[in-house]
């Protein structure tokens, strides 16, 4: 809305196109509209913030359901929920690392076990050779 400015050549009046009958009336009308607009903006901002907080609280509720509470009867605070989530993620990471390490070791053991069985078939020949060549599959040169 345009501010109400009286025309110096005319007397301010409603007939002359001004919404108010005096200069002070125009100032009051403008300030009340500004206050009304500010109140509307504040209500809209409050509604946006309320929706944001509701979404955040729903996310925390979902996180509380996923993270184990280890015997907690009371609802965890947001801070406690984040701490538990961090601990849970770190524990899962350690479990995966251990599983990967175990899998790698198991593969290594299986490889050597297969190699051992292949070498065991040559047992008769191996028993006649000295210990070092059997262990390292090294054939010493005869001088």
N, C-alpha and C. Protein backbone atom coordinates (compact mmCIF):
# COMPACT_ATOMS: atom_id res chain seq x y z
N UNK A 1 0.84 -1.18 0.00
CA UNK A 1 0.00 0.00 0.00
C UNK A 1 0.88 1.24 0.00
N UNK A 2 0.47 2.22 -0.75
CA UNK A 2 1.21 3.48 -0.82
C UNK A 2 0.96 4.29 0.45
N UNK A 3 1.98 5.01 0.91
CA UNK A 3 1.74 5.86 2.08
C UNK A 3 0.81 7.00 1.72
N UNK A 4 0.07 7.43 2.66
CA UNK A 4 -0.91 8.49 2.45
C UNK A 4 -0.22 9.84 2.58
N UNK A 5 -0.12 10.60 1.46
CA UNK A 5 0.51 11.91 1.49
C UNK A 5 -0.53 12.95 1.07
N UNK A 6 -0.79 13.90 1.90
CA UNK A 6 -1.78 14.92 1.52
C UNK A 6 -1.23 15.85 0.43
N UNK A 7 -2.07 16.31 -0.44
CA UNK A 7 -1.72 17.25 -1.48
C UNK A 7 -1.81 18.65 -0.89
N UNK A 8 -0.74 19.45 -0.94
CA UNK A 8 -0.80 20.78 -0.33
C UNK A 8 -1.80 21.71 -1.00
N UNK A 9 -2.15 21.51 -2.25
CA UNK A 9 -3.08 22.39 -2.94
C UNK A 9 -4.52 22.11 -2.54
N UNK A 10 -4.77 20.86 -2.08
CA UNK A 10 -6.13 20.49 -1.71
C UNK A 10 -6.22 20.24 -0.22
N UNK A 11 -7.39 20.35 0.28
CA UNK A 11 -7.62 20.00 1.66
C UNK A 11 -7.79 18.50 1.71
N UNK A 12 -7.07 17.79 2.59
CA UNK A 12 -7.22 16.34 2.62
C UNK A 12 -8.64 15.97 3.01
N UNK A 13 -9.22 15.14 2.19
CA UNK A 13 -10.57 14.67 2.50
C UNK A 13 -10.81 13.36 1.80
N UNK A 14 -11.85 12.66 2.19
CA UNK A 14 -12.19 11.38 1.58
C UNK A 14 -12.63 11.60 0.14
N UNK A 15 -13.25 12.77 -0.19
CA UNK A 15 -13.71 13.02 -1.54
C UNK A 15 -12.54 13.25 -2.49
N UNK A 16 -11.41 13.72 -1.99
CA UNK A 16 -10.27 14.02 -2.83
C UNK A 16 -9.44 12.77 -3.13
N UNK A 17 -9.89 11.60 -2.70
CA UNK A 17 -9.18 10.37 -3.02
C UNK A 17 -8.31 9.86 -1.89
N UNK A 18 -8.32 10.51 -0.75
CA UNK A 18 -7.54 10.05 0.39
C UNK A 18 -8.41 9.17 1.27
N UNK A 19 -7.86 8.07 1.77
CA UNK A 19 -8.67 7.17 2.59
C UNK A 19 -8.92 7.71 3.99
N UNK A 20 -8.25 8.77 4.38
CA UNK A 20 -8.45 9.31 5.72
C UNK A 20 -8.79 10.79 5.61
N UNK A 21 -9.31 11.35 6.66
CA UNK A 21 -9.76 12.73 6.61
C UNK A 21 -8.73 13.73 7.12
N UNK A 22 -7.65 13.26 7.70
CA UNK A 22 -6.62 14.19 8.17
C UNK A 22 -5.25 13.54 8.05
N UNK A 23 -4.24 14.36 8.15
CA UNK A 23 -2.87 13.86 8.03
C UNK A 23 -2.55 12.88 9.16
N UNK A 24 -2.97 13.18 10.37
CA UNK A 24 -2.72 12.29 11.50
C UNK A 24 -3.50 10.99 11.33
N UNK A 25 -4.66 11.05 10.72
CA UNK A 25 -5.45 9.84 10.45
C UNK A 25 -4.72 8.93 9.47
N UNK A 26 -4.03 9.52 8.49
CA UNK A 26 -3.26 8.73 7.53
C UNK A 26 -2.11 8.02 8.22
N UNK A 27 -1.46 8.68 9.13
CA UNK A 27 -0.34 8.07 9.85
C UNK A 27 -0.83 6.91 10.70
N UNK A 28 -1.96 7.09 11.35
CA UNK A 28 -2.51 6.00 12.16
C UNK A 28 -2.92 4.83 11.30
N UNK A 29 -3.53 5.11 10.16
CA UNK A 29 -3.96 4.03 9.26
C UNK A 29 -2.75 3.26 8.74
N UNK A 30 -1.69 3.95 8.34
CA UNK A 30 -0.48 3.31 7.84
C UNK A 30 0.21 2.48 8.91
N UNK A 31 0.29 3.02 10.11
CA UNK A 31 0.96 2.27 11.18
C UNK A 31 0.14 1.05 11.59
N UNK A 32 -1.17 1.17 11.58
CA UNK A 32 -1.99 0.01 11.95
C UNK A 32 -1.89 -1.08 10.88
N UNK A 33 -1.79 -0.68 9.62
CA UNK A 33 -1.61 -1.68 8.55
C UNK A 33 -0.25 -2.35 8.66
N UNK A 34 0.77 -1.57 9.00
CA UNK A 34 2.10 -2.16 9.18
C UNK A 34 2.09 -3.15 10.35
N UNK A 35 1.44 -2.77 11.43
CA UNK A 35 1.34 -3.67 12.58
C UNK A 35 0.58 -4.94 12.21
N UNK A 36 -0.48 -4.77 11.44
CA UNK A 36 -1.28 -5.93 11.01
C UNK A 36 -0.45 -6.85 10.11
N UNK A 37 0.30 -6.26 9.18
CA UNK A 37 1.17 -7.07 8.30
C UNK A 37 2.27 -7.76 9.09
N UNK A 38 2.85 -7.04 10.04
CA UNK A 38 3.89 -7.64 10.88
C UNK A 38 3.32 -8.80 11.69
N UNK A 39 2.12 -8.65 12.19
CA UNK A 39 1.48 -9.72 12.96
C UNK A 39 1.21 -10.94 12.07
N UNK A 40 0.77 -10.69 10.83
CA UNK A 40 0.53 -11.80 9.90
C UNK A 40 1.84 -12.53 9.57
N UNK A 41 2.89 -11.75 9.33
CA UNK A 41 4.19 -12.37 9.05
C UNK A 41 4.68 -13.18 10.25
N UNK A 42 4.48 -12.64 11.46
CA UNK A 42 4.90 -13.34 12.68
C UNK A 42 4.11 -14.64 12.84
N UNK A 43 2.81 -14.61 12.56
CA UNK A 43 1.99 -15.83 12.65
C UNK A 43 2.46 -16.87 11.63
N UNK A 44 2.78 -16.41 10.43
CA UNK A 44 3.27 -17.34 9.39
C UNK A 44 4.62 -17.93 9.80
N UNK A 45 5.51 -17.10 10.33
CA UNK A 45 6.82 -17.60 10.77
C UNK A 45 6.66 -18.58 11.93
N UNK A 46 5.75 -18.28 12.85
CA UNK A 46 5.50 -19.20 13.97
C UNK A 46 4.98 -20.54 13.46
N UNK A 47 4.10 -20.51 12.47
CA UNK A 47 3.55 -21.76 11.92
C UNK A 47 4.66 -22.57 11.24
N UNK A 48 5.54 -21.88 10.49
CA UNK A 48 6.66 -22.59 9.85
C UNK A 48 7.58 -23.22 10.89
N UNK A 49 7.88 -22.47 11.94
CA UNK A 49 8.75 -22.99 13.01
C UNK A 49 8.08 -24.16 13.73
N UNK A 50 6.78 -24.08 13.95
CA UNK A 50 6.05 -25.18 14.59
C UNK A 50 6.12 -26.44 13.73
N UNK A 51 5.94 -26.30 12.41
CA UNK A 51 6.04 -27.46 11.50
C UNK A 51 7.45 -28.02 11.49
N UNK A 52 8.44 -27.14 11.51
CA UNK A 52 9.84 -27.59 11.52
C UNK A 52 10.13 -28.39 12.79
N UNK A 53 9.70 -27.88 13.93
CA UNK A 53 9.93 -28.57 15.20
C UNK A 53 9.15 -29.89 15.27
N UNK A 54 7.94 -29.92 14.71
CA UNK A 54 7.19 -31.18 14.69
C UNK A 54 7.92 -32.22 13.85
N UNK A 55 8.47 -31.80 12.72
CA UNK A 55 9.24 -32.72 11.88
C UNK A 55 10.49 -33.22 12.60
N UNK A 56 11.17 -32.33 13.29
CA UNK A 56 12.37 -32.70 14.04
C UNK A 56 12.03 -33.67 15.16
N UNK A 57 10.94 -33.40 15.89
CA UNK A 57 10.52 -34.30 16.97
C UNK A 57 10.11 -35.66 16.44
N UNK A 58 9.45 -35.69 15.28
CA UNK A 58 9.09 -36.98 14.67
C UNK A 58 10.35 -37.76 14.30
N UNK A 59 11.36 -37.06 13.78
CA UNK A 59 12.61 -37.73 13.43
C UNK A 59 13.29 -38.30 14.68
N UNK A 60 13.28 -37.56 15.78
CA UNK A 60 13.86 -38.08 17.03
C UNK A 60 13.08 -39.28 17.54
N UNK A 61 11.74 -39.22 17.44
CA UNK A 61 10.93 -40.37 17.86
C UNK A 61 11.28 -41.61 17.04
N UNK A 62 11.45 -41.43 15.74
CA UNK A 62 11.83 -42.55 14.88
C UNK A 62 13.21 -43.08 15.26
N UNK A 63 14.15 -42.19 15.52
CA UNK A 63 15.50 -42.59 15.92
C UNK A 63 15.48 -43.34 17.25
N UNK A 64 14.64 -42.89 18.18
CA UNK A 64 14.52 -43.59 19.48
C UNK A 64 14.03 -45.02 19.29
N UNK A 65 13.17 -45.24 18.30
CA UNK A 65 12.65 -46.60 18.06
C UNK A 65 13.72 -47.51 17.45
N UNK A 66 14.64 -46.94 16.70
CA UNK A 66 15.66 -47.72 15.99
C UNK A 66 16.86 -48.02 16.88
N UNK A 67 17.23 -47.07 17.73
CA UNK A 67 18.42 -47.21 18.57
C UNK A 67 18.05 -48.01 19.82
N UNK A 68 18.83 -49.05 20.16
CA UNK A 68 18.53 -49.79 21.39
C UNK A 68 18.73 -48.91 22.62
N UNK A 69 17.87 -49.10 23.62
CA UNK A 69 17.95 -48.26 24.82
C UNK A 69 18.59 -48.98 26.00
N UNK A 70 18.82 -50.26 25.92
CA UNK A 70 19.50 -51.02 26.97
C UNK A 70 18.87 -50.80 28.34
N UNK A 71 17.59 -51.15 28.44
CA UNK A 71 16.92 -51.15 29.74
C UNK A 71 16.41 -49.81 30.22
N UNK A 72 16.40 -48.81 29.40
CA UNK A 72 15.89 -47.50 29.80
C UNK A 72 14.36 -47.54 29.79
N UNK A 73 13.75 -47.19 30.92
CA UNK A 73 12.29 -47.15 30.98
C UNK A 73 11.75 -45.79 30.56
N UNK A 74 12.53 -44.76 30.81
CA UNK A 74 12.08 -43.41 30.47
C UNK A 74 12.46 -43.07 29.03
N UNK A 75 11.76 -42.10 28.48
CA UNK A 75 12.05 -41.62 27.14
C UNK A 75 13.38 -40.86 27.17
N UNK A 76 14.27 -41.21 26.25
CA UNK A 76 15.57 -40.54 26.20
C UNK A 76 15.40 -39.10 25.71
N UNK A 77 16.23 -38.21 26.24
CA UNK A 77 16.24 -36.83 25.74
C UNK A 77 16.84 -36.81 24.34
N UNK A 78 16.75 -35.68 23.68
CA UNK A 78 17.33 -35.57 22.34
C UNK A 78 18.84 -35.78 22.40
N UNK A 79 19.47 -35.19 23.39
CA UNK A 79 20.92 -35.34 23.56
C UNK A 79 21.28 -36.81 23.81
N UNK A 80 20.56 -37.46 24.71
CA UNK A 80 20.82 -38.87 25.01
C UNK A 80 20.57 -39.75 23.79
N UNK A 81 19.54 -39.41 23.02
CA UNK A 81 19.24 -40.17 21.81
C UNK A 81 20.39 -40.07 20.82
N UNK A 82 20.93 -38.86 20.65
CA UNK A 82 22.07 -38.69 19.73
C UNK A 82 23.30 -39.42 20.24
N UNK A 83 23.54 -39.40 21.56
CA UNK A 83 24.67 -40.13 22.12
C UNK A 83 24.52 -41.63 21.89
N UNK A 84 23.31 -42.16 22.12
CA UNK A 84 23.06 -43.59 21.93
C UNK A 84 23.20 -43.96 20.46
N UNK A 85 22.71 -43.10 19.58
CA UNK A 85 22.83 -43.37 18.14
C UNK A 85 24.30 -43.42 17.73
N UNK A 86 25.09 -42.50 18.24
CA UNK A 86 26.52 -42.49 17.93
C UNK A 86 27.20 -43.76 18.45
N UNK A 87 26.90 -44.14 19.69
CA UNK A 87 27.48 -45.36 20.25
C UNK A 87 27.06 -46.59 19.45
N UNK A 88 25.80 -46.62 19.06
CA UNK A 88 25.28 -47.76 18.30
C UNK A 88 25.96 -47.86 16.93
N UNK A 89 26.13 -46.73 16.26
CA UNK A 89 26.80 -46.71 14.96
C UNK A 89 28.25 -47.17 15.11
N UNK A 90 28.92 -46.72 16.15
CA UNK A 90 30.32 -47.13 16.36
C UNK A 90 30.40 -48.62 16.65
N UNK A 91 29.45 -49.16 17.43
CA UNK A 91 29.44 -50.59 17.73
C UNK A 91 29.20 -51.40 16.46
N UNK A 92 28.26 -50.96 15.63
CA UNK A 92 28.00 -51.66 14.37
C UNK A 92 29.21 -51.60 13.45
N UNK A 93 29.91 -50.48 13.44
CA UNK A 93 31.12 -50.34 12.62
C UNK A 93 32.18 -51.33 13.08
N UNK A 94 32.35 -51.46 14.40
CA UNK A 94 33.33 -52.43 14.93
C UNK A 94 32.93 -53.85 14.56
N UNK A 95 31.64 -54.17 14.64
CA UNK A 95 31.17 -55.52 14.28
C UNK A 95 31.48 -55.81 12.82
N UNK A 96 31.21 -54.85 11.95
CA UNK A 96 31.49 -55.05 10.52
C UNK A 96 32.98 -55.21 10.27
N UNK A 97 33.79 -54.43 10.95
CA UNK A 97 35.25 -54.54 10.78
C UNK A 97 35.73 -55.91 11.24
N UNK A 98 35.21 -56.38 12.37
CA UNK A 98 35.59 -57.71 12.87
C UNK A 98 35.14 -58.79 11.89
N UNK A 99 33.92 -58.65 11.37
CA UNK A 99 33.41 -59.65 10.42
C UNK A 99 34.27 -59.67 9.16
N UNK A 100 34.68 -58.49 8.70
CA UNK A 100 35.53 -58.42 7.51
C UNK A 100 36.89 -59.04 7.79
N UNK A 101 37.44 -58.72 8.95
CA UNK A 101 38.74 -59.29 9.32
C UNK A 101 38.64 -60.81 9.44
N UNK A 102 37.57 -61.29 10.07
CA UNK A 102 37.37 -62.73 10.22
C UNK A 102 37.21 -63.38 8.85
N UNK A 103 36.45 -62.74 7.99
CA UNK A 103 36.24 -63.28 6.64
C UNK A 103 37.56 -63.36 5.89
N UNK A 104 38.38 -62.32 6.01
CA UNK A 104 39.68 -62.31 5.35
C UNK A 104 40.58 -63.40 5.92
N UNK A 105 40.60 -63.53 7.25
CA UNK A 105 41.41 -64.57 7.87
C UNK A 105 40.92 -65.95 7.49
N UNK A 106 39.60 -66.11 7.45
CA UNK A 106 39.04 -67.41 7.10
C UNK A 106 39.43 -67.77 5.67
N UNK A 107 39.38 -66.80 4.78
CA UNK A 107 39.81 -67.04 3.40
C UNK A 107 41.27 -67.41 3.34
N UNK A 108 42.10 -66.74 4.14
CA UNK A 108 43.53 -67.03 4.18
C UNK A 108 43.75 -68.44 4.71
N UNK A 109 43.03 -68.79 5.78
CA UNK A 109 43.16 -70.14 6.36
C UNK A 109 42.70 -71.19 5.36
N UNK A 110 41.57 -70.94 4.69
CA UNK A 110 41.08 -71.90 3.70
C UNK A 110 42.08 -72.08 2.56
N UNK A 111 42.70 -70.98 2.12
CA UNK A 111 43.69 -71.07 1.05
C UNK A 111 44.86 -71.95 1.48
N UNK A 112 45.37 -71.71 2.68
CA UNK A 112 46.51 -72.49 3.16
C UNK A 112 46.12 -73.93 3.46
N UNK A 113 44.89 -74.14 3.88
CA UNK A 113 44.43 -75.51 4.14
C UNK A 113 44.37 -76.29 2.82
N UNK A 114 43.86 -75.65 1.76
CA UNK A 114 43.83 -76.30 0.45
C UNK A 114 45.25 -76.58 -0.03
N UNK A 115 46.13 -75.62 0.18
CA UNK A 115 47.52 -75.80 -0.21
C UNK A 115 48.15 -76.94 0.58
N UNK A 116 47.80 -77.02 1.88
CA UNK A 116 48.33 -78.08 2.72
C UNK A 116 47.86 -79.44 2.21
N UNK A 117 46.58 -79.57 1.85
CA UNK A 117 46.07 -80.84 1.35
C UNK A 117 46.73 -81.23 0.03
N UNK A 118 47.02 -80.25 -0.80
CA UNK A 118 47.70 -80.53 -2.07
C UNK A 118 49.11 -81.03 -1.81
N UNK A 119 49.76 -80.44 -0.82
CA UNK A 119 51.12 -80.87 -0.49
C UNK A 119 51.11 -82.23 0.22
N UNK A 120 50.06 -82.53 0.95
CA UNK A 120 49.99 -83.78 1.70
C UNK A 120 49.94 -84.99 0.77
N UNK A 121 49.47 -84.78 -0.44
CA UNK A 121 49.43 -85.91 -1.38
C UNK A 121 50.84 -86.31 -1.82
N UNK A 122 51.77 -85.42 -1.66
CA UNK A 122 53.15 -85.73 -1.99
C UNK A 122 53.93 -86.13 -0.74
N UNK A 123 53.22 -86.63 0.27
CA UNK A 123 53.81 -86.93 1.57
C UNK A 123 54.95 -87.93 1.49
N UNK A 124 54.80 -88.93 0.72
CA UNK A 124 55.84 -89.97 0.66
C UNK A 124 57.16 -89.38 0.20
N UNK A 125 57.10 -88.53 -0.81
CA UNK A 125 58.33 -87.91 -1.31
C UNK A 125 58.86 -86.90 -0.31
N UNK A 126 57.96 -86.20 0.36
CA UNK A 126 58.37 -85.16 1.30
C UNK A 126 59.07 -85.75 2.51
N UNK A 127 58.71 -86.94 2.93
CA UNK A 127 59.32 -87.52 4.12
C UNK A 127 60.79 -87.87 3.89
N UNK A 128 61.16 -88.08 2.67
CA UNK A 128 62.55 -88.42 2.38
C UNK A 128 63.43 -87.19 2.26
N UNK A 129 62.82 -86.01 2.06
CA UNK A 129 63.59 -84.78 1.90
C UNK A 129 63.88 -84.17 3.27
N UNK A 130 64.91 -83.34 3.35
CA UNK A 130 65.18 -82.64 4.60
C UNK A 130 64.03 -81.68 4.96
N UNK A 131 64.01 -81.23 6.21
CA UNK A 131 62.91 -80.42 6.73
C UNK A 131 62.75 -79.10 5.98
N UNK A 132 63.80 -78.33 5.75
CA UNK A 132 63.71 -77.02 5.10
C UNK A 132 63.09 -77.09 3.71
N UNK A 133 63.50 -78.01 2.84
CA UNK A 133 62.86 -78.04 1.53
C UNK A 133 61.37 -78.38 1.63
N UNK A 134 60.98 -79.22 2.57
CA UNK A 134 59.55 -79.53 2.71
C UNK A 134 58.78 -78.30 3.17
N UNK A 135 59.36 -77.54 4.07
CA UNK A 135 58.66 -76.40 4.63
C UNK A 135 58.55 -75.25 3.62
N UNK A 136 59.61 -74.98 2.90
CA UNK A 136 59.64 -73.83 2.01
C UNK A 136 59.54 -74.18 0.54
N UNK A 137 59.40 -75.42 0.22
CA UNK A 137 59.36 -75.87 -1.18
C UNK A 137 60.58 -75.36 -1.94
N UNK A 138 61.70 -75.44 -1.31
CA UNK A 138 62.94 -74.96 -1.88
C UNK A 138 63.82 -76.17 -2.20
N UNK A 139 64.31 -76.20 -3.38
CA UNK A 139 65.20 -77.30 -3.78
C UNK A 139 66.63 -76.79 -3.76
N UNK A 140 67.44 -77.26 -2.84
CA UNK A 140 68.82 -76.78 -2.79
C UNK A 140 69.60 -77.32 -3.99
N UNK A 141 70.54 -76.50 -4.43
CA UNK A 141 71.39 -76.95 -5.53
C UNK A 141 72.43 -77.91 -4.98
N UNK A 142 72.66 -78.97 -5.71
CA UNK A 142 73.68 -79.92 -5.29
C UNK A 142 74.99 -79.54 -5.94
N UNK A 143 76.05 -79.43 -5.14
CA UNK A 143 77.36 -79.05 -5.66
C UNK A 143 78.21 -80.25 -5.84
